Protein backbone atom coordinates (compact mmCIF):
# COMPACT_ATOMS: atom_id res chain seq x y z
CA MET A 1 -15.39 -4.01 9.85
CA LYS A 2 -15.22 -5.36 13.38
CA LYS A 3 -16.88 -8.58 12.23
CA LEU A 4 -14.29 -8.90 9.46
CA SER A 5 -11.47 -8.50 11.99
CA ALA A 6 -12.97 -11.05 14.39
CA CYS A 7 -13.66 -13.54 11.59
CA PHE A 8 -10.13 -13.29 10.20
CA THR A 9 -8.70 -13.63 13.72
CA PHE A 10 -10.74 -16.79 14.39
CA ILE A 11 -9.68 -18.40 11.11
CA LEU A 12 -6.04 -17.44 11.65
CA LEU A 13 -5.90 -18.71 15.22
CA SER A 14 -7.60 -21.96 14.21
CA PHE A 15 -4.99 -22.48 11.51
CA ILE A 16 -2.16 -21.69 13.89
CA CYS A 17 -3.39 -24.08 16.59
CA THR A 18 -3.68 -26.89 14.02
CA SER A 19 -0.25 -26.22 12.53
CA LEU A 20 1.46 -26.15 15.93
CA GLN A 21 0.12 -29.41 17.32
CA ALA A 22 2.97 -31.42 15.84
CA GLN A 23 5.68 -28.87 16.59
CA ASP A 24 8.09 -28.89 19.54
CA SER A 25 8.20 -25.10 19.81
CA ILE A 26 6.37 -22.06 18.59
CA PRO A 27 7.60 -20.55 15.31
CA ARG A 28 8.76 -16.98 15.05
CA ILE A 29 7.17 -16.50 11.62
CA ILE A 30 4.55 -18.37 9.63
CA ILE A 31 4.37 -17.82 5.87
CA GLY A 32 1.44 -19.76 4.48
CA ASP A 33 2.12 -23.35 5.61
CA ILE A 34 5.83 -22.71 6.28
CA SER A 35 6.93 -22.25 9.91
CA VAL A 36 10.23 -20.50 10.64
CA TYR A 37 11.87 -21.25 14.02
CA GLU A 38 15.41 -19.91 13.59
CA SER A 39 17.66 -17.93 11.27
CA ALA A 40 17.42 -18.91 7.61
CA ASP A 41 19.40 -17.53 4.66
CA SER A 42 16.68 -18.64 2.28
CA ILE A 43 13.01 -19.36 2.94
CA ALA A 44 11.37 -21.11 0.00
CA GLY A 45 8.12 -22.90 -0.65
CA GLU A 46 4.70 -22.62 -2.18
CA GLY A 47 3.50 -19.03 -2.39
CA ILE A 48 7.03 -17.54 -2.07
CA GLN A 49 9.00 -16.01 -4.92
CA GLY A 50 12.28 -14.08 -4.83
CA ARG A 51 14.65 -13.99 -1.85
CA VAL A 52 13.21 -14.22 1.65
CA ALA A 53 15.60 -14.53 4.62
CA TYR A 54 15.26 -14.30 8.40
CA ASP A 55 17.74 -13.29 11.13
CA ALA A 56 16.51 -14.56 14.50
CA SER A 57 19.11 -12.56 16.47
CA THR A 58 17.59 -9.26 15.32
CA ASN A 59 14.08 -10.59 14.52
CA THR A 60 14.46 -9.19 11.00
CA LEU A 61 12.84 -10.56 7.86
CA THR A 62 14.57 -9.49 4.64
CA LEU A 63 12.55 -9.29 1.42
CA HIS A 64 14.56 -8.85 -1.80
CA ASP A 65 12.36 -8.60 -4.89
CA ALA A 66 10.08 -11.06 -3.14
CA ALA A 67 6.42 -11.92 -3.62
CA ILE A 68 4.46 -13.72 -0.88
CA SER A 69 1.04 -14.74 -2.15
CA SER A 70 -0.17 -16.17 1.17
CA PHE A 71 -0.47 -14.50 4.57
CA LEU A 72 2.57 -13.69 6.71
CA TRP A 73 2.22 -13.90 10.48
CA ALA A 74 4.98 -12.63 12.80
CA TYR A 75 4.54 -14.37 16.12
CA ARG A 76 4.94 -12.73 19.51
CA THR A 77 8.66 -12.44 20.35
CA GLU A 78 10.65 -10.10 22.56
CA GLY A 79 11.13 -6.63 21.08
CA SER A 80 10.33 -5.54 17.55
CA PHE A 81 9.66 -7.42 14.36
CA LYS A 82 11.50 -5.73 11.49
CA VAL A 83 11.09 -6.11 7.74
CA LYS A 84 14.01 -4.99 5.57
CA LEU A 85 12.87 -4.04 2.07
CA LEU A 86 15.26 -4.40 -0.86
CA GLY A 87 13.95 -3.93 -4.37
CA ASP A 88 10.22 -4.28 -5.08
CA ASN A 89 8.22 -6.65 -2.90
CA SER A 90 4.63 -7.71 -2.34
CA ILE A 91 2.63 -9.54 0.35
CA GLU A 92 -1.02 -10.49 0.15
CA ARG A 93 -1.68 -9.77 3.83
CA MET A 94 0.16 -9.85 7.15
CA ILE A 95 -0.32 -9.77 10.91
CA SER A 96 2.16 -8.85 13.66
CA SER A 97 1.92 -9.78 17.35
CA ASN A 98 5.26 -8.27 18.38
CA ASP A 99 5.95 -5.28 20.63
CA SER A 100 6.36 -3.23 17.46
CA CYS A 101 6.61 -3.74 13.72
CA THR A 102 8.96 -1.68 11.56
CA PHE A 103 9.44 -1.64 7.79
CA PHE A 104 12.68 0.00 6.70
CA GLY A 105 13.99 0.82 3.26
CA PRO A 106 15.29 1.58 0.79
CA GLY A 107 12.93 -0.83 -1.01
CA THR A 108 9.18 -0.96 -1.59
CA LEU A 109 6.32 -3.13 -0.39
CA THR A 110 2.86 -3.50 -1.92
CA LEU A 111 0.07 -5.17 0.02
CA GLY A 112 -2.67 -6.12 -2.37
CA GLY A 113 -4.74 -8.74 -0.61
CA THR A 114 -8.52 -8.80 -0.68
CA SER A 115 -9.20 -9.27 3.03
CA THR A 116 -6.59 -7.44 5.13
CA GLY A 117 -3.59 -5.18 4.82
CA ILE A 118 -1.41 -4.92 7.93
CA ALA A 119 -3.10 -6.22 11.08
CA LEU A 120 -1.63 -5.56 14.54
CA ASP A 121 -2.28 -7.41 17.79
CA CYS A 122 -3.60 -4.72 20.12
CA ALA A 123 -2.74 -6.81 23.19
CA HIS A 124 0.97 -6.45 22.41
CA THR A 125 1.90 -4.04 19.62
CA ASP A 126 2.89 -0.48 20.57
CA PHE A 127 3.50 0.95 17.11
CA LEU A 128 3.84 0.26 13.42
CA ALA A 129 6.68 2.22 11.81
CA LEU A 130 7.98 3.00 8.33
CA ALA A 131 11.57 4.22 8.43
CA GLU A 132 14.78 4.74 6.45
CA GLY A 133 13.17 5.42 3.11
CA ALA A 134 10.63 2.59 3.03
CA THR A 135 7.76 2.85 0.55
CA VAL A 136 4.57 0.95 1.41
CA ASP A 137 1.44 0.87 -0.76
CA ILE A 138 -1.80 -0.78 0.34
CA THR A 139 -3.77 -0.92 -2.87
CA ALA A 140 -6.52 -3.51 -2.74
CA SER A 141 -7.22 -4.19 0.89
CA GLU A 142 -10.59 -3.92 2.57
CA ALA A 143 -9.04 -3.16 5.95
CA GLY A 144 -5.91 -1.13 5.33
CA ILE A 145 -3.97 -0.85 8.59
CA TYR A 146 -5.93 -1.98 11.60
CA THR A 147 -5.78 -3.48 15.07
CA ILE A 148 -7.23 -6.90 15.83
CA TYR A 149 -9.82 -6.34 18.53
CA ASP A 150 -13.04 -8.19 19.21
CA ASP A 151 -15.43 -8.95 22.07
CA MET A 152 -13.48 -12.05 23.08
CA MET A 153 -10.56 -9.92 24.25
CA ASP A 154 -10.09 -8.27 27.62
CA PRO A 155 -11.94 -4.92 27.50
CA ASP A 156 -8.83 -3.24 28.90
CA SER A 157 -7.02 -4.16 25.67
CA ILE A 158 -8.69 -1.27 23.92
CA LEU A 159 -6.55 1.04 26.04
CA HIS A 160 -3.45 -0.45 24.40
CA VAL A 161 -3.75 0.59 20.78
CA PRO A 162 -0.83 0.98 18.37
CA VAL A 163 0.14 4.22 16.69
CA LEU A 164 1.40 4.60 13.14
CA VAL A 165 4.85 6.20 12.73
CA VAL A 166 6.14 7.38 9.33
CA ASP A 167 9.71 8.69 9.38
CA ASN A 168 11.35 9.83 6.12
CA SER A 169 9.28 7.24 4.26
CA SER A 170 6.22 6.99 2.02
CA LEU A 171 2.81 5.39 2.54
CA THR A 172 -0.22 5.17 0.27
CA VAL A 173 -3.45 3.57 1.43
CA THR A 174 -6.35 3.37 -1.03
CA ALA A 175 -8.47 0.85 0.88
CA PRO A 176 -12.19 1.58 1.30
CA LEU A 177 -11.58 1.71 5.07
CA CYS A 178 -8.02 2.81 5.79
CA PHE A 179 -7.78 2.46 9.56
CA GLU A 180 -9.56 0.81 12.46
CA PHE A 181 -8.42 1.05 16.08
CA ILE A 182 -5.34 3.03 14.99
CA PRO A 183 -5.69 6.22 17.03
CA ALA A 184 -2.87 8.43 15.86
CA LEU A 185 -0.30 9.07 13.18
CA TRP A 186 3.10 10.59 13.80
CA LEU A 187 5.07 12.11 10.93
CA SER A 188 8.75 13.01 10.75
CA GLU A 189 10.61 14.21 7.64
CA CYS A 190 7.60 13.50 5.45
CA HIS A 191 4.34 15.20 4.48
CA VAL A 192 0.73 14.47 3.60
CA VAL A 193 0.00 14.71 -0.15
CA GLU A 194 -3.62 13.56 0.03
CA PRO A 195 -6.26 14.32 1.22
CA ALA A 196 -5.72 17.42 -0.88
CA GLY A 197 -5.72 20.67 1.05
CA PHE A 198 -5.59 18.98 4.43
CA GLU A 199 -3.66 21.17 6.85
CA TYR A 200 -1.50 19.66 9.54
CA GLN A 201 1.43 20.48 11.78
CA LEU A 202 4.70 18.99 10.57
CA ASP A 203 6.38 16.49 12.89
CA THR A 204 3.40 15.95 15.13
CA TRP A 205 0.44 13.63 15.69
CA LEU A 206 -2.61 13.42 13.44
CA ASP A 207 -5.93 11.99 14.57
CA LEU A 208 -6.84 9.04 12.33
CA SER A 209 -10.39 8.88 13.69
CA SER A 210 -11.29 11.74 11.37
CA GLN A 211 -13.52 10.69 8.49
CA ILE A 212 -11.14 12.44 6.10
CA PHE A 213 -8.70 9.53 6.49
CA ARG A 214 -11.20 6.76 5.90
CA ASN A 215 -10.84 6.38 2.13
CA TYR A 216 -7.45 7.62 1.00
CA LEU A 217 -4.16 8.67 2.53
CA GLU A 218 -0.87 9.45 0.82
CA ILE A 219 2.31 10.39 2.69
CA ARG A 220 5.60 11.11 0.93
CA ALA A 221 9.12 11.49 2.28
CA GLY A 222 10.61 14.98 2.51
CA SER A 223 9.31 18.29 3.77
CA SER A 224 6.67 20.41 2.10
CA ASP A 225 5.50 23.99 2.47
CA VAL A 226 2.28 23.74 4.44
CA VAL A 227 -0.08 26.03 6.27
CA VAL A 228 0.44 25.33 9.95
CA PRO A 229 -2.69 25.89 12.03
CA GLU A 230 -2.65 26.40 15.77
CA PHE A 231 -2.11 23.04 17.39
CA ASP A 232 -3.70 22.13 20.70
CA ALA A 233 -2.15 18.92 22.02
CA ALA A 234 -4.64 16.46 23.43
CA ALA A 235 -5.02 16.77 27.18
CA MET A 236 -4.22 13.08 27.61
CA LYS A 237 -0.72 13.47 26.20
CA PRO A 238 2.09 13.84 28.73
CA SER A 239 4.13 17.01 28.91
CA VAL A 240 7.70 16.18 27.88
CA TYR A 241 10.50 18.71 28.29
CA PRO A 242 13.01 19.84 27.28
CA ASN A 243 12.37 18.36 23.86
CA PRO A 244 14.82 18.22 22.08
CA THR A 245 17.19 17.35 24.91
CA ASP A 246 20.80 16.19 25.24
CA ASN A 247 20.64 14.78 28.76
CA LEU A 248 17.57 14.46 30.99
CA LEU A 249 13.96 14.28 29.84
CA THR A 250 11.17 15.27 32.24
CA VAL A 251 7.77 13.62 31.80
CA GLU A 252 4.71 15.09 33.52
CA LEU A 253 1.08 13.98 33.52
CA SER A 254 -1.72 16.46 34.13
CA ASN A 255 -4.62 13.99 34.24
CA GLY A 256 -4.30 13.26 37.96
CA ALA A 257 -2.64 9.86 37.50
CA GLY A 258 0.93 8.96 38.37
CA ILE A 259 3.67 7.53 36.15
CA THR A 260 4.67 3.91 36.65
CA HIS A 261 6.82 3.26 33.59
CA ALA A 262 8.56 5.25 30.84
CA VAL A 263 10.30 3.54 27.93
CA VAL A 264 12.19 5.10 25.00
CA TYR A 265 12.30 3.17 21.70
CA ASP A 266 14.26 3.83 18.57
CA LEU A 267 12.39 3.54 15.27
CA GLN A 268 13.47 -0.05 14.86
CA GLY A 269 11.71 -1.02 18.08
CA ARG A 270 14.75 -1.36 20.33
CA ILE A 271 14.50 -0.11 23.93
CA VAL A 272 17.25 2.47 24.40
CA ALA A 273 16.19 3.96 27.75
CA ASP A 274 13.93 2.43 30.38
CA MET A 275 12.67 3.75 33.69
CA SER A 276 10.81 0.71 35.04
CA ASN A 277 9.69 2.18 38.36
CA ALA A 278 8.70 5.82 38.54
CA GLY A 279 7.03 5.42 41.93
CA GLY A 280 3.60 6.57 40.79
CA ARG A 281 4.55 10.26 40.89
CA SER A 282 3.04 12.71 38.42
CA THR A 283 6.53 13.72 37.25
CA ALA A 284 9.41 11.46 36.24
CA THR A 285 12.86 11.92 34.72
CA VAL A 286 14.41 9.74 32.02
CA ASN A 287 18.15 9.86 31.34
CA VAL A 288 18.83 9.78 27.57
CA HIS A 289 22.40 11.08 27.75
CA SER A 290 23.97 7.85 26.46
CA ILE A 291 21.78 7.30 23.38
CA PRO A 292 22.77 8.63 19.95
CA ALA A 293 21.26 11.81 18.53
CA GLY A 294 18.07 11.18 16.61
CA VAL A 295 14.30 10.73 16.77
CA TYR A 296 12.71 8.33 19.27
CA LEU A 297 9.33 7.22 20.58
CA LEU A 298 8.50 7.58 24.27
CA ARG A 299 5.88 5.30 25.84
CA VAL A 300 4.50 6.31 29.24
CA THR A 301 2.29 4.08 31.42
CA ASP A 302 0.26 5.66 34.22
CA THR A 303 -1.15 4.23 37.46
CA ASP A 304 -4.50 3.59 35.75
CA GLY A 305 -2.79 1.31 33.23
CA LYS A 306 -3.25 3.73 30.33
CA GLU A 307 -0.45 4.31 27.85
CA TYR A 308 0.62 7.45 26.02
CA HIS A 309 3.10 7.96 23.20
CA GLN A 310 5.19 10.98 22.39
CA LYS A 311 7.93 11.78 19.90
CA ILE A 312 11.21 12.92 21.42
CA VAL A 313 14.41 14.23 19.87
CA LYS A 314 17.88 13.61 21.31
CA LYS A 315 20.33 16.36 20.34
């Protein structure tokens, strides 16, 4: 699996370097042999069917009953890369190197390539999210959802691994190997259908390293009656309270390290609250009074350079 990731990365980077030699700037998106540098109401070419548009101001790609038979690569840009799904869409395979990558509905997306599903750049990407009624099916991929990581990268990069967020959306992965280097899954307003009989705590993190997730995973929007076992949060996770909150959010680490940075994202990857200098103390306070009520993702960086993610709710 690791060899597959490294091989695909080498081929992709070789292609990108070749394609950029004659360009004056770096494209925001590459679709097959088409480079996109700025907003476009219509992106057309070989391997593209249906309507494909791009808004550079919001870094949003819109797919409307579109089929992309070649790979799609979202280049590193500030903030989140977003994919708006309208109607039924398909992509052979894709990679994102942005801070985050969010698919939002109400449409559907099928990834049916033979080599990769959704690949994330672990040097940059904080999370992959499905939101606002998106439906994503990965049906014929050998890799499913995974993080690009190989021996050529800085060893510290393994500390920066994306999480998978599914909020009021649906996901089905039937790949032989669903996940690699994706440490955790966070669910909100949705439930696990398969693996059958698997018990979990609603609106919390699930450990994707479990072998039970390696062959099949189905998540559907909406709540479900489930048996809720006792849940022991991992010791590495920060303590965040009060949560939900309507004003101040206190973050506390119990691992002996201090907090250097705390950032709050909405589920479309936008930073809505940012405490850039916490002074290395074990406890920090983030003011979320001015952001709208809703569900958000908190990213905390400690003095050892490790990062932790936690769901928060603003009342």
